[in-house]
Amino acid sequence: MSLPFRLSRAASAALAAAALGGCATLFDSTEQTVLVQTVLDHQQVSGIGCVLSNDKGRWFVTSPGRVTVHKSTQPLVVDCRREDVWAFDQIEARQNASKWGNIIFTLGAGQYVDKQTGAGFDLPSTLTVILQRGEGAAARGAPPQQPSPTSIY
């Protein structure tokens, strides 16, 4: 094998590695572990059941607790409840540092791939959810349930 051929092969491999270096899908996980905490009246409350969901799935955790979720460009919906306390929140994922690598090295192609897989987006590592007192659905503005019809004879 001649020296110029080896150099061109090495240069091609280096160029390919640099081009793919910006794509988070190849180098970052599509999952993230987050800590969920619940707070009521400025004090942490434990034992609250929470459901976290986005377009990639649904996960359950009891606060305080850690749960691994699939990353997404869509907001993570957090719904926590126990007896007379509840919380409902949407957490936006933010683009991580892979954005600049995608722009520079892949001319935006990696950005498209990362949006599809969610790998280029991160949630905060700790989700602090503020609880409220009261009937969960009614307090959130859901229409009240109609009483069942009764018959008087």
N, C-alpha and C. Protein backbone atom coordinates (compact mmCIF):
# COMPACT_ATOMS: atom_id res chain seq x y z
N MET A 1 0.86 -1.18 0.00
CA MET A 1 0.00 0.00 0.00
C MET A 1 0.90 1.23 0.00
N SER A 2 0.63 2.17 -0.85
CA SER A 2 1.48 3.35 -0.95
C SER A 2 1.14 4.36 0.13
N LEU A 3 2.11 5.19 0.43
CA LEU A 3 1.96 6.20 1.49
C LEU A 3 0.83 7.19 1.17
N PRO A 4 0.71 7.72 -0.06
CA PRO A 4 -0.40 8.65 -0.35
C PRO A 4 -1.77 8.00 -0.18
N PHE A 5 -1.89 6.70 -0.53
CA PHE A 5 -3.17 6.02 -0.37
C PHE A 5 -3.54 5.91 1.10
N ARG A 6 -2.54 5.57 1.94
CA ARG A 6 -2.79 5.47 3.39
C ARG A 6 -3.17 6.82 3.97
N LEU A 7 -2.50 7.87 3.51
CA LEU A 7 -2.82 9.22 4.01
C LEU A 7 -4.22 9.64 3.60
N SER A 8 -4.59 9.37 2.35
CA SER A 8 -5.93 9.78 1.91
C SER A 8 -7.01 8.98 2.65
N ARG A 9 -6.72 7.71 2.93
CA ARG A 9 -7.67 6.90 3.69
C ARG A 9 -7.81 7.41 5.12
N ALA A 10 -6.70 7.77 5.73
CA ALA A 10 -6.73 8.31 7.09
C ALA A 10 -7.45 9.66 7.11
N ALA A 11 -7.19 10.48 6.10
CA ALA A 11 -7.85 11.79 6.03
C ALA A 11 -9.35 11.61 5.84
N SER A 12 -9.75 10.65 5.01
CA SER A 12 -11.18 10.38 4.80
C SER A 12 -11.85 9.91 6.09
N ALA A 13 -11.17 9.05 6.83
CA ALA A 13 -11.73 8.56 8.09
C ALA A 13 -11.85 9.70 9.10
N ALA A 14 -10.86 10.58 9.16
CA ALA A 14 -10.91 11.71 10.08
C ALA A 14 -12.04 12.66 9.71
N LEU A 15 -12.21 12.90 8.42
CA LEU A 15 -13.29 13.77 7.96
C LEU A 15 -14.65 13.19 8.29
N ALA A 16 -14.82 11.89 8.08
CA ALA A 16 -16.09 11.23 8.40
C ALA A 16 -16.38 11.29 9.90
N ALA A 17 -15.37 11.08 10.72
CA ALA A 17 -15.55 11.16 12.18
C ALA A 17 -15.94 12.56 12.60
N ALA A 18 -15.32 13.56 11.99
CA ALA A 18 -15.65 14.95 12.32
C ALA A 18 -17.08 15.27 11.90
N ALA A 19 -17.49 14.77 10.74
CA ALA A 19 -18.85 15.04 10.25
C ALA A 19 -19.90 14.42 11.15
N LEU A 20 -19.61 13.23 11.66
CA LEU A 20 -20.58 12.57 12.53
C LEU A 20 -20.47 13.04 13.97
N GLY A 21 -19.42 13.76 14.30
CA GLY A 21 -19.19 14.20 15.67
C GLY A 21 -20.28 15.10 16.21
N GLY A 22 -20.99 15.78 15.35
CA GLY A 22 -22.04 16.67 15.82
C GLY A 22 -23.35 15.98 16.07
N CYS A 23 -23.51 14.76 15.65
CA CYS A 23 -24.79 14.09 15.75
C CYS A 23 -24.94 13.42 17.12
N ALA A 24 -25.79 13.95 17.96
CA ALA A 24 -25.98 13.41 19.31
C ALA A 24 -26.57 12.01 19.28
N THR A 25 -27.30 11.69 18.24
CA THR A 25 -27.90 10.37 18.13
C THR A 25 -26.84 9.28 18.15
N LEU A 26 -25.68 9.57 17.60
CA LEU A 26 -24.61 8.58 17.56
C LEU A 26 -23.83 8.51 18.87
N PHE A 27 -23.74 9.62 19.60
CA PHE A 27 -22.85 9.67 20.75
C PHE A 27 -23.56 9.87 22.09
N ASP A 28 -24.78 10.33 22.09
CA ASP A 28 -25.54 10.56 23.33
C ASP A 28 -26.66 9.54 23.44
N SER A 29 -27.14 9.36 24.64
CA SER A 29 -28.24 8.43 24.89
C SER A 29 -29.57 9.08 24.51
N THR A 30 -30.53 8.26 24.14
CA THR A 30 -31.88 8.76 23.90
C THR A 30 -32.71 8.67 25.17
N GLU A 31 -32.08 8.32 26.29
CA GLU A 31 -32.75 8.25 27.59
C GLU A 31 -32.04 9.18 28.57
N GLN A 32 -32.79 9.61 29.59
CA GLN A 32 -32.23 10.46 30.63
C GLN A 32 -32.88 10.11 31.96
N THR A 33 -32.09 10.04 33.01
CA THR A 33 -32.61 9.80 34.35
C THR A 33 -32.82 11.15 35.03
N VAL A 34 -34.02 11.36 35.58
CA VAL A 34 -34.35 12.60 36.28
C VAL A 34 -34.80 12.27 37.70
N LEU A 35 -34.58 13.21 38.61
CA LEU A 35 -35.05 13.11 39.98
C LEU A 35 -36.33 13.94 40.08
N VAL A 36 -37.40 13.33 40.59
CA VAL A 36 -38.66 14.04 40.76
C VAL A 36 -38.85 14.31 42.25
N GLN A 37 -39.03 15.59 42.59
CA GLN A 37 -39.30 16.01 43.97
C GLN A 37 -40.65 16.72 44.00
N THR A 38 -41.38 16.56 45.09
CA THR A 38 -42.65 17.26 45.24
C THR A 38 -42.57 18.14 46.49
N VAL A 39 -43.11 19.37 46.36
CA VAL A 39 -43.02 20.36 47.43
C VAL A 39 -44.42 20.93 47.68
N LEU A 40 -44.76 21.05 48.96
CA LEU A 40 -46.02 21.67 49.38
C LEU A 40 -45.71 22.63 50.51
N ASP A 41 -46.15 23.87 50.37
CA ASP A 41 -45.91 24.91 51.38
C ASP A 41 -44.43 24.99 51.76
N HIS A 42 -43.58 25.02 50.76
CA HIS A 42 -42.13 25.17 50.92
C HIS A 42 -41.46 24.01 51.65
N GLN A 43 -42.10 22.86 51.71
CA GLN A 43 -41.50 21.68 52.33
C GLN A 43 -41.63 20.50 51.40
N GLN A 44 -40.56 19.68 51.35
CA GLN A 44 -40.60 18.50 50.51
C GLN A 44 -41.58 17.49 51.09
N VAL A 45 -42.38 16.91 50.21
CA VAL A 45 -43.36 15.90 50.60
C VAL A 45 -43.00 14.60 49.89
N SER A 46 -42.96 13.52 50.63
CA SER A 46 -42.62 12.24 50.00
C SER A 46 -43.86 11.37 49.87
N GLY A 47 -43.75 10.36 49.04
CA GLY A 47 -44.84 9.41 48.85
C GLY A 47 -45.91 9.85 47.89
N ILE A 48 -45.62 10.82 47.04
CA ILE A 48 -46.59 11.30 46.06
C ILE A 48 -46.38 10.52 44.76
N GLY A 49 -47.41 9.93 44.22
CA GLY A 49 -47.32 9.20 42.95
C GLY A 49 -47.36 10.15 41.78
N CYS A 50 -46.43 9.97 40.86
CA CYS A 50 -46.34 10.84 39.69
C CYS A 50 -46.28 10.02 38.41
N VAL A 51 -46.95 10.52 37.39
CA VAL A 51 -46.89 9.95 36.05
C VAL A 51 -46.21 10.99 35.17
N LEU A 52 -45.16 10.57 34.48
CA LEU A 52 -44.46 11.43 33.53
C LEU A 52 -44.72 10.88 32.15
N SER A 53 -44.99 11.75 31.18
CA SER A 53 -45.29 11.27 29.83
C SER A 53 -44.87 12.29 28.78
N ASN A 54 -44.53 11.77 27.61
CA ASN A 54 -44.29 12.57 26.42
C ASN A 54 -44.67 11.70 25.21
N ASP A 55 -44.34 12.14 24.04
CA ASP A 55 -44.72 11.37 22.85
C ASP A 55 -43.94 10.07 22.70
N LYS A 56 -42.96 9.82 23.57
CA LYS A 56 -42.16 8.59 23.50
C LYS A 56 -42.60 7.54 24.51
N GLY A 57 -43.46 7.92 25.49
CA GLY A 57 -43.90 6.93 26.46
C GLY A 57 -44.44 7.52 27.75
N ARG A 58 -44.63 6.63 28.74
CA ARG A 58 -45.20 7.01 30.04
C ARG A 58 -44.42 6.27 31.12
N TRP A 59 -44.11 7.00 32.22
CA TRP A 59 -43.31 6.43 33.30
C TRP A 59 -43.92 6.82 34.64
N PHE A 60 -43.74 5.94 35.63
CA PHE A 60 -44.31 6.15 36.96
C PHE A 60 -43.19 6.24 37.98
N VAL A 61 -43.36 7.11 38.97
CA VAL A 61 -42.38 7.25 40.03
C VAL A 61 -43.09 7.77 41.28
N THR A 62 -42.58 7.39 42.45
CA THR A 62 -43.06 7.93 43.72
C THR A 62 -42.00 8.89 44.23
N SER A 63 -42.42 10.11 44.57
CA SER A 63 -41.47 11.15 44.96
C SER A 63 -41.02 10.98 46.43
N PRO A 64 -39.81 11.41 46.75
CA PRO A 64 -38.77 11.73 45.77
C PRO A 64 -38.23 10.45 45.17
N GLY A 65 -37.99 10.48 43.89
CA GLY A 65 -37.49 9.28 43.22
C GLY A 65 -36.91 9.60 41.86
N ARG A 66 -36.11 8.68 41.40
CA ARG A 66 -35.49 8.81 40.07
C ARG A 66 -36.21 7.89 39.09
N VAL A 67 -36.30 8.37 37.86
CA VAL A 67 -36.93 7.59 36.79
C VAL A 67 -36.20 7.91 35.49
N THR A 68 -36.06 6.89 34.65
CA THR A 68 -35.42 7.07 33.35
C THR A 68 -36.50 7.21 32.30
N VAL A 69 -36.43 8.33 31.56
CA VAL A 69 -37.42 8.63 30.53
C VAL A 69 -36.73 8.67 29.17
N HIS A 70 -37.50 8.51 28.10
CA HIS A 70 -36.98 8.66 26.75
C HIS A 70 -37.01 10.15 26.40
N LYS A 71 -35.92 10.65 25.88
CA LYS A 71 -35.82 12.05 25.50
C LYS A 71 -36.73 12.34 24.31
N SER A 72 -37.17 13.59 24.23
CA SER A 72 -38.04 14.02 23.15
C SER A 72 -37.92 15.52 22.98
N THR A 73 -38.32 16.01 21.83
CA THR A 73 -38.40 17.46 21.63
C THR A 73 -39.70 18.00 22.22
N GLN A 74 -40.64 17.12 22.50
CA GLN A 74 -41.93 17.51 23.08
C GLN A 74 -41.80 17.68 24.58
N PRO A 75 -42.66 18.50 25.21
CA PRO A 75 -42.59 18.69 26.66
C PRO A 75 -42.87 17.39 27.41
N LEU A 76 -42.26 17.26 28.57
CA LEU A 76 -42.53 16.15 29.48
C LEU A 76 -43.66 16.60 30.40
N VAL A 77 -44.77 15.89 30.39
CA VAL A 77 -45.91 16.22 31.23
C VAL A 77 -45.76 15.47 32.55
N VAL A 78 -45.87 16.20 33.66
CA VAL A 78 -45.74 15.62 35.00
C VAL A 78 -47.08 15.80 35.71
N ASP A 79 -47.68 14.69 36.12
CA ASP A 79 -48.97 14.69 36.81
C ASP A 79 -48.81 13.90 38.10
N CYS A 80 -48.87 14.60 39.24
CA CYS A 80 -48.67 13.98 40.56
C CYS A 80 -49.93 14.13 41.40
N ARG A 81 -50.26 13.07 42.17
CA ARG A 81 -51.48 13.12 42.99
C ARG A 81 -51.35 12.23 44.21
N ARG A 82 -51.98 12.65 45.29
CA ARG A 82 -52.20 11.81 46.46
C ARG A 82 -53.27 12.48 47.31
N GLU A 83 -54.32 11.77 47.55
CA GLU A 83 -55.45 12.25 48.35
C GLU A 83 -55.85 13.66 47.95
N ASP A 84 -55.59 14.66 48.79
CA ASP A 84 -56.07 16.01 48.49
C ASP A 84 -54.99 16.94 47.95
N VAL A 85 -53.84 16.42 47.52
CA VAL A 85 -52.81 17.26 46.91
C VAL A 85 -52.53 16.76 45.50
N TRP A 86 -52.15 17.70 44.62
CA TRP A 86 -51.92 17.36 43.23
C TRP A 86 -50.98 18.39 42.59
N ALA A 87 -50.44 18.03 41.47
CA ALA A 87 -49.62 18.96 40.68
C ALA A 87 -49.70 18.52 39.22
N PHE A 88 -49.65 19.49 38.34
CA PHE A 88 -49.64 19.23 36.90
C PHE A 88 -48.70 20.24 36.28
N ASP A 89 -47.69 19.77 35.54
CA ASP A 89 -46.71 20.68 34.97
C ASP A 89 -46.21 20.13 33.64
N GLN A 90 -45.68 21.00 32.80
CA GLN A 90 -45.05 20.59 31.55
C GLN A 90 -43.63 21.14 31.56
N ILE A 91 -42.66 20.26 31.35
CA ILE A 91 -41.26 20.64 31.38
C ILE A 91 -40.73 20.59 29.95
N GLU A 92 -40.20 21.70 29.48
CA GLU A 92 -39.66 21.78 28.13
C GLU A 92 -38.24 21.21 28.10
N ALA A 93 -37.94 20.39 27.11
CA ALA A 93 -36.58 19.90 26.89
C ALA A 93 -35.80 21.00 26.15
N ARG A 94 -34.53 21.12 26.50
CA ARG A 94 -33.69 22.12 25.83
C ARG A 94 -32.63 21.43 25.00
N GLN A 95 -32.28 22.06 23.92
CA GLN A 95 -31.26 21.49 23.05
C GLN A 95 -29.91 21.52 23.76
N ASN A 96 -29.17 20.42 23.67
CA ASN A 96 -27.87 20.36 24.33
C ASN A 96 -26.77 20.84 23.38
N ALA A 97 -25.53 20.66 23.78
CA ALA A 97 -24.39 21.19 23.04
C ALA A 97 -24.22 20.58 21.65
N SER A 98 -24.91 19.51 21.34
CA SER A 98 -24.77 18.89 20.02
C SER A 98 -25.24 19.81 18.90
N LYS A 99 -26.01 20.84 19.24
CA LYS A 99 -26.54 21.75 18.22
C LYS A 99 -25.42 22.34 17.36
N TRP A 100 -24.36 22.82 17.99
CA TRP A 100 -23.29 23.48 17.24
C TRP A 100 -22.51 22.49 16.40
N GLY A 101 -22.31 21.29 16.90
CA GLY A 101 -21.65 20.26 16.11
C GLY A 101 -22.47 19.91 14.88
N ASN A 102 -23.79 19.86 15.08
CA ASN A 102 -24.68 19.57 13.95
C ASN A 102 -24.62 20.66 12.89
N ILE A 103 -24.58 21.89 13.32
CA ILE A 103 -24.55 23.01 12.37
C ILE A 103 -23.21 23.06 11.64
N ILE A 104 -22.12 22.92 12.39
CA ILE A 104 -20.80 23.06 11.80
C ILE A 104 -20.40 21.85 10.96
N PHE A 105 -20.54 20.65 11.53
CA PHE A 105 -19.98 19.47 10.88
C PHE A 105 -20.94 18.76 9.92
N THR A 106 -22.23 18.79 10.21
CA THR A 106 -23.15 18.04 9.36
C THR A 106 -24.06 18.94 8.52
N LEU A 107 -23.82 20.23 8.60
CA LEU A 107 -24.61 21.20 7.84
C LEU A 107 -26.11 21.06 8.10
N GLY A 108 -26.46 20.69 9.32
CA GLY A 108 -27.86 20.61 9.72
C GLY A 108 -28.48 19.24 9.62
N ALA A 109 -27.84 18.31 8.93
CA ALA A 109 -28.42 16.97 8.78
C ALA A 109 -28.52 16.27 10.13
N GLY A 110 -27.50 16.41 10.96
CA GLY A 110 -27.52 15.80 12.30
C GLY A 110 -28.62 16.40 13.17
N GLN A 111 -28.91 17.67 12.95
CA GLN A 111 -29.97 18.35 13.70
C GLN A 111 -31.32 17.67 13.43
N TYR A 112 -31.57 17.35 12.20
CA TYR A 112 -32.82 16.68 11.82
C TYR A 112 -32.91 15.31 12.50
N VAL A 113 -31.83 14.55 12.46
CA VAL A 113 -31.82 13.22 13.07
C VAL A 113 -32.02 13.33 14.58
N ASP A 114 -31.33 14.27 15.22
CA ASP A 114 -31.45 14.43 16.68
C ASP A 114 -32.86 14.83 17.10
N LYS A 115 -33.55 15.60 16.29
CA LYS A 115 -34.93 15.96 16.61
C LYS A 115 -35.85 14.75 16.56
N GLN A 116 -35.56 13.82 15.65
CA GLN A 116 -36.38 12.63 15.54
C GLN A 116 -36.18 11.68 16.72
N THR A 117 -34.95 11.55 17.19
CA THR A 117 -34.65 10.61 18.28
C THR A 117 -34.73 11.26 19.66
N GLY A 118 -34.63 12.58 19.74
CA GLY A 118 -34.62 13.28 21.02
C GLY A 118 -33.26 13.32 21.68
N ALA A 119 -32.25 12.67 21.10
CA ALA A 119 -30.93 12.58 21.72
C ALA A 119 -30.28 13.94 21.91
N GLY A 120 -30.56 14.89 21.08
CA GLY A 120 -29.95 16.21 21.17
C GLY A 120 -30.64 17.15 22.14
N PHE A 121 -31.56 16.64 22.95
CA PHE A 121 -32.34 17.47 23.86
C PHE A 121 -32.26 16.91 25.27
N ASP A 122 -32.16 17.79 26.26
CA ASP A 122 -32.05 17.38 27.66
C ASP A 122 -33.11 18.05 28.51
N LEU A 123 -33.55 17.33 29.54
CA LEU A 123 -34.43 17.88 30.57
C LEU A 123 -33.57 18.31 31.74
N PRO A 124 -34.09 19.14 32.64
CA PRO A 124 -33.34 19.41 33.87
C PRO A 124 -33.15 18.10 34.62
N SER A 125 -32.02 17.94 35.31
CA SER A 125 -31.75 16.68 36.00
C SER A 125 -32.65 16.51 37.23
N THR A 126 -33.15 17.61 37.79
CA THR A 126 -34.06 17.56 38.93
C THR A 126 -35.35 18.30 38.56
N LEU A 127 -36.48 17.61 38.71
CA LEU A 127 -37.79 18.22 38.45
C LEU A 127 -38.46 18.46 39.79
N THR A 128 -38.59 19.71 40.19
CA THR A 128 -39.26 20.06 41.44
C THR A 128 -40.68 20.48 41.10
N VAL A 129 -41.64 19.70 41.59
CA VAL A 129 -43.04 19.92 41.27
C VAL A 129 -43.73 20.52 42.49
N ILE A 130 -44.42 21.64 42.30
CA ILE A 130 -45.11 22.34 43.38
C ILE A 130 -46.54 21.79 43.50
N LEU A 131 -46.84 21.22 44.65
CA LEU A 131 -48.16 20.64 44.89
C LEU A 131 -49.17 21.72 45.29
N GLN A 132 -50.43 21.41 45.02
CA GLN A 132 -51.54 22.27 45.43
C GLN A 132 -52.55 21.42 46.19
N ARG A 133 -53.29 22.06 47.05
CA ARG A 133 -54.34 21.35 47.79
C ARG A 133 -55.65 21.44 47.03
N GLY A 134 -56.51 20.46 47.22
CA GLY A 134 -57.84 20.50 46.62
C GLY A 134 -58.05 19.35 45.67
N GLU A 135 -59.26 19.24 45.20
CA GLU A 135 -59.61 18.20 44.23
C GLU A 135 -58.83 18.46 42.96
N GLY A 136 -58.05 17.50 42.54
CA GLY A 136 -57.16 17.66 41.39
C GLY A 136 -57.85 18.13 40.13
N ALA A 137 -58.82 17.39 39.62
CA ALA A 137 -59.46 17.74 38.36
C ALA A 137 -60.24 19.03 38.46
N ALA A 138 -60.98 19.21 39.54
CA ALA A 138 -61.77 20.42 39.70
C ALA A 138 -60.87 21.63 39.86
N ALA A 139 -59.78 21.48 40.60
CA ALA A 139 -58.88 22.60 40.84
C ALA A 139 -58.17 23.01 39.54
N ARG A 140 -57.98 22.10 38.61
CA ARG A 140 -57.32 22.42 37.35
C ARG A 140 -58.28 23.02 36.34
N GLY A 141 -59.52 23.16 36.70
CA GLY A 141 -60.47 23.77 35.79
C GLY A 141 -61.24 22.79 34.94
N ALA A 142 -61.14 21.50 35.23
CA ALA A 142 -61.91 20.52 34.48
C ALA A 142 -63.38 20.68 34.83
N PRO A 143 -64.25 20.38 33.91
CA PRO A 143 -65.67 20.52 34.21
C PRO A 143 -66.08 19.59 35.34
N PRO A 144 -66.93 20.08 36.25
CA PRO A 144 -67.34 19.22 37.36
C PRO A 144 -68.17 18.05 36.85
N GLN A 145 -68.06 16.94 37.56
CA GLN A 145 -68.85 15.77 37.18
C GLN A 145 -70.31 16.03 37.53
N GLN A 146 -71.18 15.62 36.62
CA GLN A 146 -72.61 15.78 36.85
C GLN A 146 -73.08 14.67 37.79
N PRO A 147 -73.90 15.02 38.75
CA PRO A 147 -74.41 13.96 39.63
C PRO A 147 -75.27 12.98 38.84
N SER A 148 -75.23 11.75 39.28
CA SER A 148 -76.03 10.75 38.58
C SER A 148 -77.51 11.05 38.80
N PRO A 149 -78.33 10.82 37.80
CA PRO A 149 -79.77 11.13 37.94
C PRO A 149 -80.39 10.20 38.98
N THR A 150 -81.22 10.80 39.78
CA THR A 150 -81.95 10.00 40.78
C THR A 150 -83.44 10.06 40.47
N SER A 151 -84.10 9.02 40.80
CA SER A 151 -85.55 8.96 40.57
C SER A 151 -86.25 9.00 41.91
N ILE A 152 -87.28 9.81 41.97
CA ILE A 152 -88.10 9.85 43.19
C ILE A 152 -89.44 9.26 42.84
N TYR A 153 -89.88 8.27 43.64
CA TYR A 153 -91.17 7.62 43.38
C TYR A 153 -92.18 8.03 44.39
